[in-house]
Protein backbone atom coordinates (compact mmCIF):
# COMPACT_ATOMS: atom_id res chain seq x y z
CA MET A 1 16.06 -25.75 -18.23
CA ASP A 2 15.96 -28.72 -15.88
CA PHE A 3 13.57 -29.50 -13.03
CA THR A 4 15.83 -27.92 -10.38
CA ILE A 5 16.01 -24.57 -12.16
CA ALA A 6 12.27 -24.64 -12.83
CA SER A 7 11.61 -25.33 -9.13
CA VAL A 8 13.81 -22.44 -8.03
CA LEU A 9 12.16 -20.07 -10.51
CA THR A 10 8.70 -21.21 -9.41
CA LEU A 11 9.51 -20.63 -5.75
CA ASP A 12 10.92 -17.18 -6.56
CA GLY A 13 7.86 -16.33 -8.64
CA LEU A 14 5.43 -17.42 -5.93
CA THR A 15 7.36 -15.43 -3.32
CA ASN A 16 7.21 -12.26 -5.41
CA GLY A 17 3.60 -13.01 -6.32
CA ALA A 18 2.63 -13.13 -2.65
CA VAL A 19 3.90 -9.56 -2.22
CA TYR A 20 2.27 -8.39 -5.45
CA ALA A 21 -0.98 -9.89 -4.19
CA LEU A 22 -0.87 -7.62 -1.15
CA LEU A 23 -0.20 -4.55 -3.28
CA GLY A 24 -2.87 -5.46 -5.80
CA MET A 25 -5.44 -6.03 -3.08
CA GLY A 26 -4.52 -2.69 -1.51
CA ILE A 27 -5.20 -0.90 -4.81
CA VAL A 28 -8.45 -2.84 -5.27
CA LEU A 29 -9.47 -1.98 -1.71
CA ILE A 30 -8.98 1.76 -2.17
CA PHE A 31 -10.74 1.82 -5.53
CA ALA A 32 -13.65 -0.24 -4.23
CA VAL A 33 -14.31 2.23 -1.43
CA THR A 34 -13.13 5.64 -2.68
CA ARG A 35 -12.86 5.25 -6.52
CA VAL A 36 -9.22 6.37 -6.26
CA ILE A 37 -6.67 4.59 -8.48
CA PHE A 38 -3.88 4.87 -5.93
CA ILE A 39 -0.61 5.14 -7.84
CA PRO A 40 1.56 5.94 -4.72
CA GLN A 41 0.94 2.50 -3.19
CA GLY A 42 4.55 1.60 -4.01
CA GLU A 43 5.83 4.59 -2.05
CA PHE A 44 4.34 3.11 1.12
CA VAL A 45 6.39 -0.01 0.35
CA ALA A 46 9.63 1.95 0.03
CA TYR A 47 8.86 4.08 3.09
CA GLY A 48 8.25 0.99 5.21
CA ALA A 49 11.52 -0.72 4.24
CA LEU A 50 13.66 2.44 4.41
CA THR A 51 12.17 3.62 7.71
CA LEU A 52 13.18 0.31 9.28
CA ALA A 53 16.66 0.67 7.74
CA VAL A 54 17.14 4.06 9.39
CA PHE A 55 15.93 2.70 12.73
CA GLN A 56 18.58 -0.03 12.37
CA MET A 57 21.22 2.73 12.31
CA GLY A 58 19.86 4.25 15.52
CA GLN A 59 18.67 7.43 13.80
CA VAL A 60 15.31 9.19 13.53
CA PRO A 61 13.79 8.56 10.07
CA GLY A 62 12.79 11.59 8.04
CA THR A 63 9.35 10.04 7.72
CA VAL A 64 8.72 11.00 11.34
CA TRP A 65 9.14 14.70 10.57
CA LEU A 66 6.89 14.36 7.54
CA LEU A 67 4.34 12.72 9.80
CA PHE A 68 4.30 15.79 12.05
CA ILE A 69 3.98 18.13 9.05
CA LEU A 70 1.12 16.16 7.52
CA ALA A 71 -0.63 15.98 10.89
CA ALA A 72 -0.42 19.79 11.24
CA ILE A 73 -1.75 20.38 7.72
CA ALA A 74 -4.55 17.82 8.05
CA SER A 75 -5.65 19.11 11.46
CA ALA A 76 -5.67 22.71 10.17
CA MET A 77 -7.81 21.68 7.18
CA GLU A 78 -10.19 19.80 9.48
CA PHE A 79 -10.44 22.77 11.86
CA PHE A 80 -11.35 25.28 9.17
CA THR A 81 -13.77 22.87 7.48
CA ILE A 82 -15.73 22.20 10.68
CA TRP A 83 -15.59 25.85 11.73
CA ARG A 84 -16.85 27.06 8.34
CA HIS A 85 -19.73 24.57 8.15
CA HIS A 86 -20.84 24.49 11.79
CA GLY A 87 -19.52 27.75 13.22
CA SER A 88 -18.41 26.02 16.44
CA VAL A 89 -14.80 26.57 17.50
CA ARG A 90 -15.12 23.89 20.16
CA HIS A 91 -16.20 21.19 17.71
CA ALA A 92 -13.55 22.35 15.25
CA ILE A 93 -10.79 21.98 17.85
CA LYS A 94 -12.00 18.49 18.78
CA ALA A 95 -12.05 17.42 15.14
CA ALA A 96 -8.54 18.81 14.58
CA LEU A 97 -7.21 16.98 17.64
CA ARG A 98 -8.81 13.70 16.54
CA THR A 99 -7.14 14.08 13.16
CA ALA A 100 -3.63 14.85 14.46
CA LEU A 101 -3.40 12.97 17.76
CA PRO A 102 -2.69 9.40 16.51
CA ALA A 103 0.08 10.58 14.18
CA VAL A 104 1.62 12.83 16.83
CA VAL A 105 1.67 10.01 19.39
CA VAL A 106 3.31 7.63 16.91
CA GLY A 107 5.87 10.29 15.97
CA LEU A 108 6.77 11.04 19.58
CA VAL A 109 7.22 7.35 20.35
CA ALA A 110 9.49 7.05 17.29
CA LEU A 111 11.60 10.02 18.45
CA TRP A 112 12.08 8.37 21.83
CA ALA A 113 12.71 4.86 20.51
CA ALA A 114 15.12 5.60 17.64
CA PRO A 115 18.34 6.07 19.70
CA HIS A 116 17.64 2.99 21.87
CA ARG A 117 18.07 0.49 19.02
CA PHE A 118 15.34 -1.85 20.15
CA PRO A 119 15.13 -5.42 18.71
CA LEU A 120 14.26 -5.83 15.04
CA LEU A 121 10.65 -6.82 15.69
CA VAL A 122 9.98 -3.71 17.78
CA GLN A 123 11.53 -1.48 15.12
CA ALA A 124 9.44 -3.21 12.46
CA LEU A 125 6.22 -2.62 14.41
CA LEU A 126 7.15 1.02 14.89
CA SER A 127 7.86 1.38 11.15
CA LEU A 128 4.45 -0.15 10.42
CA ALA A 129 2.80 2.34 12.79
CA ILE A 130 4.54 5.33 11.18
CA VAL A 131 3.63 4.43 7.60
CA THR A 132 0.10 3.36 8.56
CA ALA A 133 -0.46 6.77 10.16
CA TYR A 134 0.28 8.33 6.76
CA GLY A 135 -2.82 6.77 5.24
CA PRO A 136 -5.59 8.86 6.87
CA LEU A 137 -3.47 12.02 6.62
CA VAL A 138 -2.83 11.58 2.89
CA TYR A 139 -6.54 11.00 2.36
CA ARG A 140 -7.48 14.09 4.35
CA VAL A 141 -4.97 16.38 2.67
CA ALA A 142 -5.18 15.18 -0.92
CA TYR A 143 -8.47 13.36 -1.50
CA GLN A 144 -11.24 14.08 1.00
CA SER A 145 -12.20 17.46 -0.45
CA LEU A 146 -12.30 15.86 -3.93
CA ALA A 147 -14.34 12.82 -2.94
CA GLY A 148 -17.08 13.67 -5.42
CA ALA A 149 -14.73 14.36 -8.33
CA SER A 150 -14.40 12.16 -11.40
CA ILE A 151 -12.08 9.16 -11.49
CA LEU A 152 -9.81 11.03 -13.92
CA VAL A 153 -9.35 13.94 -11.50
CA LEU A 154 -8.61 11.54 -8.66
CA LEU A 155 -6.08 9.73 -10.87
CA ILE A 156 -4.30 13.02 -11.64
CA VAL A 157 -4.13 13.77 -7.92
CA SER A 158 -2.65 10.31 -7.33
CA VAL A 159 0.09 10.99 -9.86
CA GLY A 160 0.90 14.25 -8.06
CA VAL A 161 1.01 12.50 -4.67
CA HIS A 162 3.33 9.87 -6.17
CA PHE A 163 5.84 12.45 -7.40
CA ALA A 164 5.69 14.33 -4.08
CA MET A 165 6.33 11.17 -2.03
CA THR A 166 9.14 10.06 -4.35
CA GLY A 167 10.89 13.43 -4.03
CA LEU A 168 10.48 13.40 -0.27
CA GLY A 169 11.90 9.86 -0.20
CA LEU A 170 15.05 11.12 -1.93
CA LEU A 171 15.27 13.94 0.64
CA PHE A 172 14.82 11.63 3.63
CA PHE A 173 16.83 8.58 2.61
CA GLY A 174 19.23 9.76 -0.11
CA ALA A 175 20.06 7.93 -3.30
CA GLU A 176 21.77 5.03 -1.52
CA GLY A 177 19.83 1.78 -1.22
CA PHE A 178 19.35 -0.31 1.92
CA ARG A 179 18.80 -4.00 2.62
CA ASN A 180 17.29 -5.01 5.95
CA PRO A 181 18.20 -8.10 7.98
CA PRO A 182 15.80 -11.07 7.65
CA PHE A 183 13.22 -11.71 10.36
CA TRP A 184 14.02 -15.43 10.25
CA ASP A 185 17.31 -16.62 8.76
CA ALA A 186 16.57 -20.36 8.79
CA ARG A 187 17.04 -22.55 5.72
CA LEU A 188 14.68 -25.42 4.90
CA ASP A 189 15.79 -28.02 2.34
CA LEU A 190 12.90 -29.21 0.17
CA GLY A 191 14.38 -31.59 -2.34
CA PRO A 192 16.14 -29.61 -5.07
CA ILE A 193 15.27 -26.22 -3.60
CA THR A 194 16.04 -24.38 -0.38
CA LEU A 195 13.25 -22.41 1.25
CA SER A 196 14.44 -19.46 3.32
CA GLY A 197 12.81 -18.46 6.56
CA GLN A 198 12.06 -15.02 5.11
CA ALA A 199 10.13 -16.66 2.24
CA CYS A 200 8.06 -18.58 4.80
CA ILE A 201 7.25 -15.34 6.59
CA ILE A 202 6.24 -13.73 3.28
CA PHE A 203 3.85 -16.59 2.48
CA LEU A 204 2.34 -16.70 5.97
CA ALA A 205 1.92 -12.93 6.34
CA SER A 206 0.44 -12.57 2.85
CA ALA A 207 -1.99 -15.45 3.35
CA ALA A 208 -3.12 -14.16 6.74
CA LEU A 209 -3.72 -10.63 5.49
CA ILE A 210 -5.54 -11.81 2.37
CA VAL A 211 -7.87 -13.98 4.44
CA LEU A 212 -8.56 -11.12 6.85
CA LEU A 213 -9.39 -8.74 4.00
CA TRP A 214 -11.66 -11.30 2.38
CA LEU A 215 -13.51 -11.89 5.64
CA LEU A 216 -13.85 -8.15 6.23
CA PHE A 217 -15.34 -7.28 2.85
CA GLU A 218 -17.22 -10.44 2.00
CA ARG A 219 -18.48 -11.65 5.35
CA SER A 220 -18.90 -8.57 7.56
CA LEU A 221 -21.58 -5.90 7.57
CA TYR A 222 -18.96 -3.23 8.22
CA GLY A 223 -17.01 -4.20 5.11
CA LYS A 224 -20.15 -4.04 2.98
CA ALA A 225 -20.87 -0.61 4.44
CA LEU A 226 -17.43 0.53 3.31
CA GLN A 227 -18.09 -0.68 -0.22
CA ALA A 228 -21.43 1.13 -0.25
CA THR A 229 -19.62 4.46 -0.12
CA ALA A 230 -18.19 3.81 -3.59
CA VAL A 231 -21.48 2.61 -5.08
CA ASN A 232 -23.55 5.55 -3.84
CA ARG A 233 -21.98 8.11 -1.51
CA LEU A 234 -25.24 9.96 -0.94
CA GLY A 235 -27.12 6.76 -0.19
CA ALA A 236 -24.37 5.67 2.20
CA ARG A 237 -24.60 8.96 4.09
CA LEU A 238 -28.40 8.64 4.29
CA MET A 239 -27.91 5.19 5.83
CA GLY A 240 -25.64 6.69 8.49
CA ILE A 241 -22.30 5.64 6.97
CA SER A 242 -19.52 8.21 7.33
CA THR A 243 -17.94 8.44 3.89
CA GLU A 244 -15.01 10.46 5.25
CA GLY A 245 -14.40 7.89 7.97
CA ALA A 246 -14.60 5.08 5.43
CA GLY A 247 -12.02 6.80 3.25
CA ARG A 248 -9.61 7.37 6.10
CA LEU A 249 -9.92 3.80 7.35
CA THR A 250 -9.39 2.43 3.84
CA PHE A 251 -6.26 4.50 3.33
CA ALA A 252 -4.95 3.41 6.74
CA VAL A 253 -5.42 -0.27 5.84
CA THR A 254 -3.79 0.27 2.44
CA ALA A 255 -0.83 2.08 4.02
CA LEU A 256 -0.47 -0.84 6.44
CA ILE A 257 -0.46 -3.28 3.52
CA GLY A 258 2.18 -1.23 1.72
CA ALA A 259 4.40 -0.91 4.79
CA LEU A 260 4.10 -4.62 5.53
CA SER A 261 5.05 -5.41 1.94
CA GLY A 262 8.13 -3.21 2.31
CA LEU A 263 9.19 -5.01 5.47
CA LEU A 264 8.71 -8.37 3.77
CA ILE A 265 10.79 -7.58 0.68
CA GLY A 266 13.41 -5.49 2.51
CA PRO A 267 15.58 -8.51 3.40
CA THR A 268 15.30 -10.01 -0.11
CA THR A 269 16.33 -7.04 -2.26
CA THR A 270 18.00 -3.65 -1.99
CA VAL A 271 15.35 -0.94 -1.68
CA PHE A 272 15.95 2.59 -2.98
CA TYR A 273 13.88 5.72 -2.52
CA ASP A 274 12.25 5.19 -5.93
CA SER A 275 11.95 1.40 -5.82
CA GLY A 276 8.30 1.70 -4.95
CA PHE A 277 7.39 2.94 -8.43
CA LEU A 278 8.09 -0.32 -10.28
CA ILE A 279 6.78 -2.43 -7.41
CA GLY A 280 3.60 -0.36 -7.27
CA LEU A 281 3.12 -0.64 -11.04
CA LYS A 282 3.24 -4.42 -10.77
CA GLY A 283 0.60 -4.19 -8.06
CA PHE A 284 -1.43 -2.03 -10.43
CA VAL A 285 -1.12 -4.69 -13.17
CA VAL A 286 -2.47 -7.21 -10.65
CA ALA A 287 -5.36 -4.89 -9.80
CA VAL A 288 -6.20 -4.43 -13.49
CA ILE A 289 -6.22 -8.20 -13.98
CA ALA A 290 -8.67 -8.34 -11.06
CA GLY A 291 -10.87 -5.71 -12.70
CA LEU A 292 -10.25 -3.35 -9.74
CA HIS A 293 -12.92 -5.17 -7.75
CA SER A 294 -12.11 -8.88 -7.24
CA TYR A 295 -9.91 -9.92 -4.32
CA PRO A 296 -9.58 -13.58 -5.44
CA GLY A 297 -8.80 -12.26 -8.93
CA ALA A 298 -6.03 -10.10 -7.46
CA LEU A 299 -4.54 -13.13 -5.71
CA LEU A 300 -4.54 -15.29 -8.83
CA GLY A 301 -3.29 -12.44 -11.00
CA ALA A 302 -0.44 -11.71 -8.57
CA LEU A 303 0.77 -15.30 -8.59
CA GLY A 304 0.64 -15.30 -12.39
CA VAL A 305 2.57 -12.03 -12.60
CA GLY A 306 5.19 -13.36 -10.18
CA LEU A 307 5.69 -16.55 -12.18
CA ILE A 308 5.85 -14.72 -15.52
CA GLU A 309 8.39 -12.28 -14.09
CA SER A 310 10.53 -15.07 -12.65
CA PHE A 311 10.63 -17.20 -15.80
CA GLY A 312 10.92 -14.10 -17.98
CA SER A 313 14.03 -13.01 -16.06
CA PHE A 314 15.57 -16.41 -16.83
CA TRP A 315 14.84 -16.43 -20.55
CA ALA A 316 15.23 -12.69 -21.24
CA SER A 317 16.44 -10.82 -18.16
CA ALA A 318 16.80 -7.51 -20.02
CA PHE A 319 13.10 -7.56 -20.94
CA LYS A 320 11.52 -8.95 -17.78
CA GLU A 321 9.85 -5.64 -16.86
CA VAL A 322 8.56 -5.23 -20.42
CA ILE A 323 7.11 -8.73 -20.32
CA VAL A 324 5.29 -8.06 -17.04
CA PHE A 325 3.81 -4.74 -18.11
CA THR A 326 2.79 -6.09 -21.52
CA ILE A 327 0.45 -8.49 -19.73
CA VAL A 328 -1.94 -5.64 -19.05
CA LEU A 329 -2.58 -4.96 -22.75
CA PRO A 330 -4.53 -8.14 -23.63
CA VAL A 331 -6.36 -7.89 -20.30
CA LEU A 332 -7.49 -4.35 -21.07
CA LEU A 333 -8.49 -5.35 -24.61
CA TRP A 334 -10.50 -8.30 -23.33
CA ARG A 335 -12.28 -6.20 -20.71
CA SER A 336 -12.96 -3.47 -23.25
CA LEU A 337 -14.59 -5.92 -25.67
CA ARG A 338 -16.77 -7.66 -23.10
CA SER A 339 -17.87 -4.58 -21.13
CA PRO A 340 -20.28 -1.88 -22.34
CA HIS A 341 -18.81 1.59 -22.80
CA LEU A 342 -20.82 3.82 -20.49
CA ASP A 343 -20.17 7.42 -19.63
CA GLU A 344 -19.25 8.04 -16.03
CA GLU A 345 -22.22 8.90 -13.88
CA HIS A 346 -22.23 12.35 -12.34
């Protein structure tokens, strides 16, 4: 291996690591607020890339119809919950409308915009809006009623949501893969390597989002209030923090991160309906390296995973996935040895 090859592999590893950092931080974010180990994070990635691909063809993505269905189910659940606890039909109708209205508006705009074939940036923003709207609905349908359950139960639910979203992805997009056009097709020569415009966008978007998340959770009172819901849900409610609202907001932000990751990698690789599984697992490895709580740890772990994957694909391409997923074993062993084994608090 000479310096040129090493430079190319390093650039490729850092580019992939920037995307893995977003996914890892999304998983850390959800766990820090809701205690949910969110396995379907990769499905948001695939949905974002494939929704944009369908918009490129001038068709209505199947994700729009799923958005309407989820909005109807979530609003019905919200209506009956409020009606049963408060006995007020008026308040129940208002709560149901608040739950469904954002998703319905986004879906209607998508139905109108799909045949017009708007510019790529507009289609990308619309794809982001569609997938982001999934976040609060998935939380309401699958997790909100189980907010007080154990981490194991929440993990089992996550596995079920993953399989459901993967199957629906096959229904909506078929088995054929798609590759989206780049947002910036420039080429920058940096000595022995060539930096693509899409790689620049990946670095800039990842860095901006990471800084915003860090500022939100480390420097803002609102971010600390969100984290308080995971530490003590009862105490958070007594302090006036809406745990349900915190969960929905967290899932919306995580869905946005997943969709943005899908748009970023869409021009660099062919995305299939089940591509999100492996991508999401690599984000999970990053989150485990970060201990499911450290955002700087997720960033450093993601860059390490990206570099190991890149150089591993050069030395042993058939085993690159095995190499990446094996990283988690010594990390788990190290954390197990240095952390006390305590039963989960009830």
